[in-house]
Amino acid sequence: MAHKQIEVKIEEDFNILVDEGMEDVIENFFHWDIETCNCCIDYKGSIWIEFCDYEDWKKFLQLTLRNNLEVNGKRQIHETLWDFLQEKVKVNLVFDEEVMENPNDEENLMGTGVLVICVGMTFPKEYLNDFKALFFEAFPQK
């Protein structure tokens, strides 16, 4: 099912299309130098965000953990994005070999030997507002 998409300007010469309702989140990921490559506001009843590279996912988790420690220290003061990720998010790793056009056969691709790992996270659509509140607390808009 196609969703209405909004064009989001990331940089002067770089725009992306994002499902309406997700544009503020995805734009903010890029402003924090965390790249996403896909998202969907209703993927089988869930919100889906895919990180282009494992390092982007790792950076997201590290900054989320840092925020949790700043907010809660050793005591649980209130729910943070870290708690949300632990309790409500499912994570999938997608890995494959990077491919390129085969210079000897324009009809086919060939592997490069470079491993590509993408990370997708999903959570129930009804938690979108909770996610946004916690996300913007941990990652203030720049």
C-alpha atoms as a PDB file:
ATOM      1  CA  MET A   1       0.000   0.000   0.000  1.00  0.00           C
ATOM      2  CA  ALA A   2       1.456   3.334  -1.041  1.00  0.00           C
ATOM      3  CA  HIS A   3       1.432   6.187   1.430  1.00  0.00           C
ATOM      4  CA  LYS A   4       1.524   9.879   0.691  1.00  0.00           C
ATOM      5  CA  GLN A   5       5.138  11.001   0.569  1.00  0.00           C
ATOM      6  CA  ILE A   6       6.714  14.325   1.428  1.00  0.00           C
ATOM      7  CA  GLU A   7       9.933  15.644  -0.081  1.00  0.00           C
ATOM      8  CA  VAL A   8      12.472  16.417   2.638  1.00  0.00           C
ATOM      9  CA  LYS A   9      15.510  18.595   1.998  1.00  0.00           C
ATOM     10  CA  ILE A  10      18.488  17.066   3.768  1.00  0.00           C
ATOM     11  CA  GLU A  11      21.227  19.221   2.267  1.00  0.00           C
ATOM     12  CA  GLU A  12      21.351  21.911  -0.407  1.00  0.00           C
ATOM     13  CA  ASP A  13      21.522  19.330  -3.200  1.00  0.00           C
ATOM     14  CA  PHE A  14      20.053  16.250  -1.477  1.00  0.00           C
ATOM     15  CA  ASN A  15      16.301  15.641  -1.136  1.00  0.00           C
ATOM     16  CA  ILE A  16      14.523  12.420  -0.181  1.00  0.00           C
ATOM     17  CA  LEU A  17      10.918  11.217  -0.247  1.00  0.00           C
ATOM     18  CA  VAL A  18       9.518  10.101   3.113  1.00  0.00           C
ATOM     19  CA  ASP A  19       6.104   8.850   4.183  1.00  0.00           C
ATOM     20  CA  GLU A  20       3.981  11.686   5.515  1.00  0.00           C
ATOM     21  CA  GLY A  21       4.123  11.635   9.307  1.00  0.00           C
ATOM     22  CA  MET A  22       7.732  10.407   9.380  1.00  0.00           C
ATOM     23  CA  GLU A  23       9.428  13.418   7.773  1.00  0.00           C
ATOM     24  CA  ASP A  24      10.412  15.108  11.055  1.00  0.00           C
ATOM     25  CA  VAL A  25      12.000  11.912  12.407  1.00  0.00           C
ATOM     26  CA  ILE A  26      13.918  11.002   9.247  1.00  0.00           C
ATOM     27  CA  GLU A  27      15.120  14.566   8.675  1.00  0.00           C
ATOM     28  CA  ASN A  28      16.390  14.674  12.255  1.00  0.00           C
ATOM     29  CA  PHE A  29      18.265  11.369  11.867  1.00  0.00           C
ATOM     30  CA  PHE A  30      20.170  12.907   8.944  1.00  0.00           C
ATOM     31  CA  HIS A  31      20.886  16.084  10.930  1.00  0.00           C
ATOM     32  CA  TRP A  32      22.529  13.886  13.556  1.00  0.00           C
ATOM     33  CA  ASP A  33      24.561  12.212  10.758  1.00  0.00           C
ATOM     34  CA  ILE A  34      22.632   8.957  11.080  1.00  0.00           C
ATOM     35  CA  GLU A  35      21.530   7.773   7.647  1.00  0.00           C
ATOM     36  CA  THR A  36      18.373   5.843   6.993  1.00  0.00           C
ATOM     37  CA  CYS A  37      17.545   4.274   3.646  1.00  0.00           C
ATOM     38  CA  ASN A  38      13.910   3.241   3.989  1.00  0.00           C
ATOM     39  CA  CYS A  39      10.957   3.912   6.221  1.00  0.00           C
ATOM     40  CA  CYS A  40       7.249   3.216   6.229  1.00  0.00           C
ATOM     41  CA  ILE A  41       4.492   4.698   8.374  1.00  0.00           C
ATOM     42  CA  ASP A  42       2.363   1.545   8.100  1.00  0.00           C
ATOM     43  CA  TYR A  43       4.296  -1.602   7.226  1.00  0.00           C
ATOM     44  CA  LYS A  44       1.915  -4.407   8.218  1.00  0.00           C
ATOM     45  CA  GLY A  45       0.611  -2.323  11.133  1.00  0.00           C
ATOM     46  CA  SER A  46       4.064  -1.221  12.239  1.00  0.00           C
ATOM     47  CA  ILE A  47       6.403   1.708  11.836  1.00  0.00           C
ATOM     48  CA  TRP A  48       9.537   0.603   9.969  1.00  0.00           C
ATOM     49  CA  ILE A  49      12.856   2.468   9.837  1.00  0.00           C
ATOM     50  CA  GLU A  50      15.889   0.992   8.093  1.00  0.00           C
ATOM     51  CA  PHE A  51      19.441   2.157   8.691  1.00  0.00           C
ATOM     52  CA  CYS A  52      21.699   2.020   5.628  1.00  0.00           C
ATOM     53  CA  ASP A  53      24.702   0.748   7.465  1.00  0.00           C
ATOM     54  CA  TYR A  54      25.368  -1.073  10.717  1.00  0.00           C
ATOM     55  CA  GLU A  55      27.554   1.858  11.859  1.00  0.00           C
ATOM     56  CA  ASP A  56      24.537   4.211  11.638  1.00  0.00           C
ATOM     57  CA  TRP A  57      22.518   1.817  13.806  1.00  0.00           C
ATOM     58  CA  LYS A  58      25.418   1.556  16.265  1.00  0.00           C
ATOM     59  CA  LYS A  59      25.721   5.361  16.486  1.00  0.00           C
ATOM     60  CA  PHE A  60      21.963   5.641  17.075  1.00  0.00           C
ATOM     61  CA  LEU A  61      22.141   3.093  19.907  1.00  0.00           C
ATOM     62  CA  GLN A  62      25.228   4.695  21.460  1.00  0.00           C
ATOM     63  CA  LEU A  63      23.645   8.167  21.537  1.00  0.00           C
ATOM     64  CA  THR A  64      20.391   6.682  22.843  1.00  0.00           C
ATOM     65  CA  LEU A  65      22.254   4.920  25.652  1.00  0.00           C
ATOM     66  CA  ARG A  66      24.160   8.117  26.485  1.00  0.00           C
ATOM     67  CA  ASN A  67      20.845   9.989  26.745  1.00  0.00           C
ATOM     68  CA  ASN A  68      19.457   7.286  29.034  1.00  0.00           C
ATOM     69  CA  LEU A  69      22.464   7.618  31.348  1.00  0.00           C
ATOM     70  CA  GLU A  70      22.182  11.423  31.375  1.00  0.00           C
ATOM     71  CA  VAL A  71      18.470  11.323  32.180  1.00  0.00           C
ATOM     72  CA  ASN A  72      18.325   8.405  34.590  1.00  0.00           C
ATOM     73  CA  GLY A  73      21.838   7.880  35.929  1.00  0.00           C
ATOM     74  CA  LYS A  74      21.625   4.844  38.195  1.00  0.00           C
ATOM     75  CA  ARG A  75      17.931   5.300  38.971  1.00  0.00           C
ATOM     76  CA  GLN A  76      14.955   4.979  36.668  1.00  0.00           C
ATOM     77  CA  ILE A  77      13.521   8.520  36.683  1.00  0.00           C
ATOM     78  CA  HIS A  78      11.364   8.183  33.573  1.00  0.00           C
ATOM     79  CA  GLU A  79      11.127   6.196  30.361  1.00  0.00           C
ATOM     80  CA  THR A  80      13.728   7.095  27.739  1.00  0.00           C
ATOM     81  CA  LEU A  81      14.206   6.134  24.120  1.00  0.00           C
ATOM     82  CA  TRP A  82      16.595   3.426  25.344  1.00  0.00           C
ATOM     83  CA  ASP A  83      13.775   1.833  27.355  1.00  0.00           C
ATOM     84  CA  PHE A  84      11.432   2.136  24.372  1.00  0.00           C
ATOM     85  CA  LEU A  85      13.935   0.347  22.121  1.00  0.00           C
ATOM     86  CA  GLN A  86      14.431  -2.412  24.699  1.00  0.00           C
ATOM     87  CA  GLU A  87      10.721  -3.012  25.288  1.00  0.00           C
ATOM     88  CA  LYS A  88       8.807  -2.164  22.119  1.00  0.00           C
ATOM     89  CA  VAL A  89      11.123  -2.476  19.108  1.00  0.00           C
ATOM     90  CA  LYS A  90      11.936  -5.512  16.989  1.00  0.00           C
ATOM     91  CA  VAL A  91      15.252  -5.407  15.111  1.00  0.00           C
ATOM     92  CA  ASN A  92      16.192  -7.266  11.928  1.00  0.00           C
ATOM     93  CA  LEU A  93      19.606  -7.491  10.339  1.00  0.00           C
ATOM     94  CA  VAL A  94      19.740  -7.682   6.564  1.00  0.00           C
ATOM     95  CA  PHE A  95      23.125  -8.520   5.135  1.00  0.00           C
ATOM     96  CA  ASP A  96      24.391  -9.137   1.645  1.00  0.00           C
ATOM     97  CA  GLU A  97      27.316  -8.552  -0.614  1.00  0.00           C
ATOM     98  CA  GLU A  98      27.670  -5.174  -2.288  1.00  0.00           C
ATOM     99  CA  VAL A  99      27.148  -5.474  -6.042  1.00  0.00           C
ATOM    100  CA  MET A 100      28.166  -3.464  -9.061  1.00  0.00           C
ATOM    101  CA  GLU A 101      27.605  -3.640 -12.798  1.00  0.00           C
ATOM    102  CA  ASN A 102      29.677  -6.339 -14.443  1.00  0.00           C
ATOM    103  CA  PRO A 103      32.034  -4.563 -16.876  1.00  0.00           C
ATOM    104  CA  ASN A 104      32.153  -7.700 -19.043  1.00  0.00           C
ATOM    105  CA  ASP A 105      28.391  -8.266 -19.111  1.00  0.00           C
ATOM    106  CA  GLU A 106      26.144  -5.187 -18.903  1.00  0.00           C
ATOM    107  CA  GLU A 107      23.082  -7.364 -18.288  1.00  0.00           C
ATOM    108  CA  ASN A 108      24.370  -8.744 -14.979  1.00  0.00           C
ATOM    109  CA  LEU A 109      25.766  -7.613 -11.665  1.00  0.00           C
ATOM    110  CA  MET A 110      28.795  -8.950  -9.869  1.00  0.00           C
ATOM    111  CA  GLY A 111      29.730  -9.113  -6.205  1.00  0.00           C
ATOM    112  CA  THR A 112      32.463  -6.876  -4.848  1.00  0.00           C
ATOM    113  CA  GLY A 113      33.370  -8.924  -1.791  1.00  0.00           C
ATOM    114  CA  VAL A 114      32.235  -6.052   0.453  1.00  0.00           C
ATOM    115  CA  LEU A 115      29.772  -6.987   3.189  1.00  0.00           C
ATOM    116  CA  VAL A 116      26.760  -4.676   3.592  1.00  0.00           C
ATOM    117  CA  ILE A 117      24.723  -4.826   6.803  1.00  0.00           C
ATOM    118  CA  CYS A 118      21.474  -2.876   7.087  1.00  0.00           C
ATOM    119  CA  VAL A 119      19.400  -2.779  10.266  1.00  0.00           C
ATOM    120  CA  GLY A 120      15.632  -2.463  10.275  1.00  0.00           C
ATOM    121  CA  MET A 121      13.599  -1.624  13.348  1.00  0.00           C
ATOM    122  CA  THR A 122       9.840  -1.947  13.667  1.00  0.00           C
ATOM    123  CA  PHE A 123       7.356  -1.109  16.372  1.00  0.00           C
ATOM    124  CA  PRO A 124       3.549  -1.005  16.524  1.00  0.00           C
ATOM    125  CA  LYS A 125       2.061   2.004  14.746  1.00  0.00           C
ATOM    126  CA  GLU A 126       0.112   3.056  17.846  1.00  0.00           C
ATOM    127  CA  TYR A 127       3.441   3.860  19.557  1.00  0.00           C
ATOM    128  CA  LEU A 128       4.519   6.449  16.974  1.00  0.00           C
ATOM    129  CA  ASN A 129       3.707   9.476  19.167  1.00  0.00           C
ATOM    130  CA  ASP A 130       5.504   7.889  22.148  1.00  0.00           C
ATOM    131  CA  PHE A 131       8.524   7.157  19.933  1.00  0.00           C
ATOM    132  CA  LYS A 132       8.593  10.717  18.596  1.00  0.00           C
ATOM    133  CA  ALA A 133       8.446  12.271  22.073  1.00  0.00           C
ATOM    134  CA  LEU A 134      11.304  10.096  23.329  1.00  0.00           C
ATOM    135  CA  PHE A 135      13.276  10.417  20.080  1.00  0.00           C
ATOM    136  CA  PHE A 136      13.209  14.234  20.121  1.00  0.00           C
ATOM    137  CA  GLU A 137      14.152  14.242  23.808  1.00  0.00           C
ATOM    138  CA  ALA A 138      17.253  12.168  23.008  1.00  0.00           C
ATOM    139  CA  PHE A 139      17.927  13.828  19.640  1.00  0.00           C
ATOM    140  CA  PRO A 140      16.841  17.476  19.873  1.00  0.00           C
ATOM    141  CA  GLN A 141      16.107  19.033  16.517  1.00  0.00           C
ATOM    142  CA  LYS A 142      19.024  21.077  15.248  1.00  0.00           C
END
